[in-house]
Amino acid sequence: MATDGKRQNGLCKSVMQFLFSNVGICVIVVLYCVAGGFIFQHLEKNNEKEICYDTRDEYIPMENKTLNQMYNVIRENLGNSDLSVLMIELRTILETFRDNSIAIGYEGDICGDYGKEGGPIYKWSWFGATYFSVTVISTIGKQIVGYFFFFGNPKIVYNNF
């Protein structure tokens, strides 16, 4: 039994030495980035769907308003022999609709079909999410040097963020 305790102690010591070695730290950082990629991708999927539904809910009333405006312009100019006025008014309505559609960012996607075959494709892939995770971890820990004056003496303060 005493040898089992020593063996477990030696194993625990070996594991701790590996984890705190340079290789161990690198393995932990890589695992952190990979896990961060999976987590971030999962969180962003729901966010992308929510944005799609929100922009669609803004787009549909705008589309209906544009159709009503076009109908009214056509009805008002039905007996007019000069079609140039009709064309100018319709073009203005359509240009406004186009500009507003671009501004809200709705792409005409069927929001419920995200992830299905033939449906919209998620913008955040696992690779992109992992790249973001690596960017986050690589910017943490940079030192910011600031000069502060205590009682007239300049002091250098290092802050790790």
C-alpha atoms as a PDB file:
ATOM      1  CA  MET A   1       0.000   0.000   0.000  1.00  0.00           C
ATOM      2  CA  ALA A   2       2.807   2.385   0.792  1.00  0.00           C
ATOM      3  CA  THR A   3       4.216   1.883  -2.693  1.00  0.00           C
ATOM      4  CA  ASP A   4       0.827   2.742  -4.227  1.00  0.00           C
ATOM      5  CA  GLY A   5       0.768   6.022  -2.305  1.00  0.00           C
ATOM      6  CA  LYS A   6       4.304   6.848  -3.433  1.00  0.00           C
ATOM      7  CA  ARG A   7       3.448   5.888  -6.999  1.00  0.00           C
ATOM      8  CA  GLN A   8       0.355   8.143  -6.961  1.00  0.00           C
ATOM      9  CA  ASN A   9       2.392  10.918  -5.395  1.00  0.00           C
ATOM     10  CA  GLY A  10       5.048  10.542  -8.091  1.00  0.00           C
ATOM     11  CA  LEU A  11       2.383  10.480 -10.814  1.00  0.00           C
ATOM     12  CA  CYS A  12       0.714  13.593  -9.411  1.00  0.00           C
ATOM     13  CA  LYS A  13       4.095  15.325  -9.238  1.00  0.00           C
ATOM     14  CA  SER A  14       4.867  14.341 -12.852  1.00  0.00           C
ATOM     15  CA  VAL A  15       1.503  15.609 -14.077  1.00  0.00           C
ATOM     16  CA  MET A  16       1.975  18.933 -12.270  1.00  0.00           C
ATOM     17  CA  GLN A  17       5.506  19.330 -13.650  1.00  0.00           C
ATOM     18  CA  PHE A  18       4.202  18.710 -17.159  1.00  0.00           C
ATOM     19  CA  LEU A  19       1.291  21.134 -16.768  1.00  0.00           C
ATOM     20  CA  PHE A  20       3.542  23.921 -15.569  1.00  0.00           C
ATOM     21  CA  SER A  21       6.267  23.307 -18.111  1.00  0.00           C
ATOM     22  CA  ASN A  22       6.358  25.292 -21.364  1.00  0.00           C
ATOM     23  CA  VAL A  23       4.867  22.414 -23.319  1.00  0.00           C
ATOM     24  CA  GLY A  24       2.077  21.976 -20.768  1.00  0.00           C
ATOM     25  CA  ILE A  25       1.214  25.666 -20.857  1.00  0.00           C
ATOM     26  CA  CYS A  26       1.118  25.541 -24.668  1.00  0.00           C
ATOM     27  CA  VAL A  27      -1.200  22.521 -24.595  1.00  0.00           C
ATOM     28  CA  ILE A  28      -3.514  24.302 -22.133  1.00  0.00           C
ATOM     29  CA  VAL A  29      -3.573  27.445 -24.312  1.00  0.00           C
ATOM     30  CA  VAL A  30      -4.374  25.410 -27.438  1.00  0.00           C
ATOM     31  CA  LEU A  31      -7.158  23.537 -25.631  1.00  0.00           C
ATOM     32  CA  TYR A  32      -8.512  26.857 -24.324  1.00  0.00           C
ATOM     33  CA  CYS A  33      -8.593  28.314 -27.845  1.00  0.00           C
ATOM     34  CA  VAL A  34     -10.247  25.234 -29.360  1.00  0.00           C
ATOM     35  CA  ALA A  35     -12.876  25.106 -26.605  1.00  0.00           C
ATOM     36  CA  GLY A  36     -13.363  28.862 -26.926  1.00  0.00           C
ATOM     37  CA  GLY A  37     -13.985  28.404 -30.660  1.00  0.00           C
ATOM     38  CA  PHE A  38     -16.710  25.819 -30.040  1.00  0.00           C
ATOM     39  CA  ILE A  39     -18.348  27.909 -27.320  1.00  0.00           C
ATOM     40  CA  PHE A  40     -18.229  31.149 -29.294  1.00  0.00           C
ATOM     41  CA  GLN A  41     -19.600  29.489 -32.437  1.00  0.00           C
ATOM     42  CA  HIS A  42     -22.483  28.011 -30.438  1.00  0.00           C
ATOM     43  CA  LEU A  43     -23.310  31.369 -28.825  1.00  0.00           C
ATOM     44  CA  GLU A  44     -23.162  33.249 -32.123  1.00  0.00           C
ATOM     45  CA  LYS A  45     -25.538  30.838 -33.897  1.00  0.00           C
ATOM     46  CA  ASN A  46     -28.409  31.975 -31.695  1.00  0.00           C
ATOM     47  CA  ASN A  47     -27.377  35.599 -32.123  1.00  0.00           C
ATOM     48  CA  GLU A  48     -27.353  35.305 -35.936  1.00  0.00           C
ATOM     49  CA  LYS A  49     -30.869  33.837 -35.943  1.00  0.00           C
ATOM     50  CA  GLU A  50     -32.111  36.590 -33.634  1.00  0.00           C
ATOM     51  CA  ILE A  51     -30.622  39.288 -35.876  1.00  0.00           C
ATOM     52  CA  CYS A  52     -32.237  37.647 -38.909  1.00  0.00           C
ATOM     53  CA  TYR A  53     -35.674  37.651 -37.240  1.00  0.00           C
ATOM     54  CA  ASP A  54     -35.258  41.259 -36.049  1.00  0.00           C
ATOM     55  CA  THR A  55     -34.272  42.569 -39.485  1.00  0.00           C
ATOM     56  CA  ARG A  56     -37.044  40.558 -41.143  1.00  0.00           C
ATOM     57  CA  ASP A  57     -39.579  42.063 -38.727  1.00  0.00           C
ATOM     58  CA  GLU A  58     -38.346  45.505 -39.757  1.00  0.00           C
ATOM     59  CA  TYR A  59     -38.246  44.646 -43.480  1.00  0.00           C
ATOM     60  CA  ILE A  60     -41.788  43.280 -43.948  1.00  0.00           C
ATOM     61  CA  PRO A  61     -43.672  46.479 -42.928  1.00  0.00           C
ATOM     62  CA  MET A  62     -41.254  48.513 -45.043  1.00  0.00           C
ATOM     63  CA  GLU A  63     -41.980  46.251 -48.018  1.00  0.00           C
ATOM     64  CA  ASN A  64     -45.744  46.580 -47.511  1.00  0.00           C
ATOM     65  CA  LYS A  65     -45.488  50.367 -47.251  1.00  0.00           C
ATOM     66  CA  THR A  66     -43.516  50.471 -50.515  1.00  0.00           C
ATOM     67  CA  LEU A  67     -46.097  48.322 -52.315  1.00  0.00           C
ATOM     68  CA  ASN A  68     -48.913  50.567 -51.081  1.00  0.00           C
ATOM     69  CA  GLN A  69     -47.057  53.681 -52.220  1.00  0.00           C
ATOM     70  CA  MET A  70     -46.473  52.173 -55.665  1.00  0.00           C
ATOM     71  CA  TYR A  71     -50.115  51.132 -55.941  1.00  0.00           C
ATOM     72  CA  ASN A  72     -51.270  54.657 -55.048  1.00  0.00           C
ATOM     73  CA  VAL A  73     -48.904  56.279 -57.546  1.00  0.00           C
ATOM     74  CA  ILE A  74     -50.043  53.952 -60.339  1.00  0.00           C
ATOM     75  CA  ARG A  75     -53.715  54.501 -59.477  1.00  0.00           C
ATOM     76  CA  GLU A  76     -53.279  58.307 -59.433  1.00  0.00           C
ATOM     77  CA  ASN A  77     -51.483  58.326 -62.796  1.00  0.00           C
ATOM     78  CA  LEU A  78     -53.698  55.744 -64.524  1.00  0.00           C
ATOM     79  CA  GLY A  79     -55.281  58.176 -66.972  1.00  0.00           C
ATOM     80  CA  ASN A  80     -52.154  60.285 -67.461  1.00  0.00           C
ATOM     81  CA  SER A  81     -50.686  59.996 -70.947  1.00  0.00           C
ATOM     82  CA  ASP A  82     -47.271  61.250 -69.787  1.00  0.00           C
ATOM     83  CA  LEU A  83     -45.602  58.171 -68.297  1.00  0.00           C
ATOM     84  CA  SER A  84     -42.402  60.021 -67.425  1.00  0.00           C
ATOM     85  CA  VAL A  85     -43.975  61.414 -64.225  1.00  0.00           C
ATOM     86  CA  LEU A  86     -45.109  57.907 -63.240  1.00  0.00           C
ATOM     87  CA  MET A  87     -41.641  56.483 -63.908  1.00  0.00           C
ATOM     88  CA  ILE A  88     -39.921  59.191 -61.854  1.00  0.00           C
ATOM     89  CA  GLU A  89     -42.236  58.663 -58.880  1.00  0.00           C
ATOM     90  CA  LEU A  90     -41.881  54.860 -59.016  1.00  0.00           C
ATOM     91  CA  ARG A  91     -38.099  55.119 -59.329  1.00  0.00           C
ATOM     92  CA  THR A  92     -37.985  57.410 -56.271  1.00  0.00           C
ATOM     93  CA  ILE A  93     -40.092  54.974 -54.240  1.00  0.00           C
ATOM     94  CA  LEU A  94     -37.937  52.009 -55.285  1.00  0.00           C
ATOM     95  CA  GLU A  95     -34.680  53.839 -54.576  1.00  0.00           C
ATOM     96  CA  THR A  96     -35.903  54.709 -51.084  1.00  0.00           C
ATOM     97  CA  PHE A  97     -36.892  51.078 -50.522  1.00  0.00           C
ATOM     98  CA  ARG A  98     -33.503  49.853 -51.780  1.00  0.00           C
ATOM     99  CA  ASP A  99     -31.578  52.265 -49.536  1.00  0.00           C
ATOM    100  CA  ASN A 100     -33.645  51.340 -46.482  1.00  0.00           C
ATOM    101  CA  SER A 101     -33.272  47.614 -47.208  1.00  0.00           C
ATOM    102  CA  ILE A 102     -29.502  47.949 -47.417  1.00  0.00           C
ATOM    103  CA  ALA A 103     -29.447  50.027 -44.220  1.00  0.00           C
ATOM    104  CA  ILE A 104     -31.208  47.367 -42.118  1.00  0.00           C
ATOM    105  CA  GLY A 105     -29.123  44.540 -43.622  1.00  0.00           C
ATOM    106  CA  TYR A 106     -31.902  42.067 -44.359  1.00  0.00           C
ATOM    107  CA  GLU A 107     -30.832  39.658 -47.084  1.00  0.00           C
ATOM    108  CA  GLY A 108     -34.162  37.943 -47.689  1.00  0.00           C
ATOM    109  CA  ASP A 109     -33.159  34.830 -45.763  1.00  0.00           C
ATOM    110  CA  ILE A 110     -35.690  32.411 -44.343  1.00  0.00           C
ATOM    111  CA  CYS A 111     -34.563  32.666 -40.734  1.00  0.00           C
ATOM    112  CA  GLY A 112     -35.924  29.286 -39.645  1.00  0.00           C
ATOM    113  CA  ASP A 113     -33.808  27.500 -42.262  1.00  0.00           C
ATOM    114  CA  TYR A 114     -30.407  28.382 -40.759  1.00  0.00           C
ATOM    115  CA  GLY A 115     -28.196  25.318 -40.798  1.00  0.00           C
ATOM    116  CA  LYS A 116     -30.514  23.359 -43.105  1.00  0.00           C
ATOM    117  CA  GLU A 117     -29.637  22.336 -46.639  1.00  0.00           C
ATOM    118  CA  GLY A 118     -30.444  25.195 -49.004  1.00  0.00           C
ATOM    119  CA  GLY A 119     -30.909  27.593 -46.080  1.00  0.00           C
ATOM    120  CA  PRO A 120     -28.758  30.512 -45.024  1.00  0.00           C
ATOM    121  CA  ILE A 121     -25.210  29.734 -43.933  1.00  0.00           C
ATOM    122  CA  TYR A 122     -23.958  30.814 -40.532  1.00  0.00           C
ATOM    123  CA  LYS A 123     -21.376  33.581 -40.810  1.00  0.00           C
ATOM    124  CA  TRP A 124     -19.337  32.317 -37.849  1.00  0.00           C
ATOM    125  CA  SER A 125     -17.605  29.081 -38.741  1.00  0.00           C
ATOM    126  CA  TRP A 126     -15.629  27.081 -36.187  1.00  0.00           C
ATOM    127  CA  PHE A 127     -12.396  28.330 -37.768  1.00  0.00           C
ATOM    128  CA  GLY A 128     -13.511  31.968 -37.511  1.00  0.00           C
ATOM    129  CA  ALA A 129     -14.637  31.500 -33.913  1.00  0.00           C
ATOM    130  CA  THR A 130     -11.337  29.827 -32.990  1.00  0.00           C
ATOM    131  CA  TYR A 131      -9.432  32.633 -34.694  1.00  0.00           C
ATOM    132  CA  PHE A 132     -11.411  35.103 -32.587  1.00  0.00           C
ATOM    133  CA  SER A 133     -10.591  33.082 -29.456  1.00  0.00           C
ATOM    134  CA  VAL A 134      -6.876  33.177 -30.317  1.00  0.00           C
ATOM    135  CA  THR A 135      -7.116  36.935 -30.869  1.00  0.00           C
ATOM    136  CA  VAL A 136      -8.726  37.405 -27.469  1.00  0.00           C
ATOM    137  CA  ILE A 137      -6.147  35.329 -25.598  1.00  0.00           C
ATOM    138  CA  SER A 138      -3.224  36.908 -27.448  1.00  0.00           C
ATOM    139  CA  THR A 139      -4.257  40.426 -26.450  1.00  0.00           C
ATOM    140  CA  ILE A 140      -4.606  39.592 -22.757  1.00  0.00           C
ATOM    141  CA  GLY A 141      -1.530  40.171 -20.657  1.00  0.00           C
ATOM    142  CA  LYS A 142       0.112  43.006 -22.542  1.00  0.00           C
ATOM    143  CA  GLN A 143       1.720  45.444 -20.191  1.00  0.00           C
ATOM    144  CA  ILE A 144       0.584  49.013 -20.111  1.00  0.00           C
ATOM    145  CA  VAL A 145       3.153  51.388 -18.754  1.00  0.00           C
ATOM    146  CA  GLY A 146       1.811  54.495 -17.122  1.00  0.00           C
ATOM    147  CA  TYR A 147       3.463  57.314 -15.249  1.00  0.00           C
ATOM    148  CA  PHE A 148       1.851  58.378 -12.011  1.00  0.00           C
ATOM    149  CA  PHE A 149       3.027  61.008  -9.619  1.00  0.00           C
ATOM    150  CA  PHE A 150       3.006  60.261  -5.918  1.00  0.00           C
ATOM    151  CA  PHE A 151       4.105  63.189  -3.839  1.00  0.00           C
ATOM    152  CA  GLY A 152       5.938  64.697  -6.814  1.00  0.00           C
ATOM    153  CA  ASN A 153       7.937  61.546  -7.670  1.00  0.00           C
ATOM    154  CA  PRO A 154       7.255  59.821 -11.004  1.00  0.00           C
ATOM    155  CA  LYS A 155       6.493  56.136 -10.602  1.00  0.00           C
ATOM    156  CA  ILE A 156       6.144  53.546 -13.369  1.00  0.00           C
ATOM    157  CA  VAL A 157       3.127  51.355 -12.909  1.00  0.00           C
ATOM    158  CA  TYR A 158       2.617  48.118 -14.855  1.00  0.00           C
ATOM    159  CA  ASN A 159      -0.924  46.958 -15.341  1.00  0.00           C
ATOM    160  CA  ASN A 160      -1.733  43.553 -16.748  1.00  0.00           C
ATOM    161  CA  PHE A 161      -5.100  43.304 -18.398  1.00  0.00           C
END
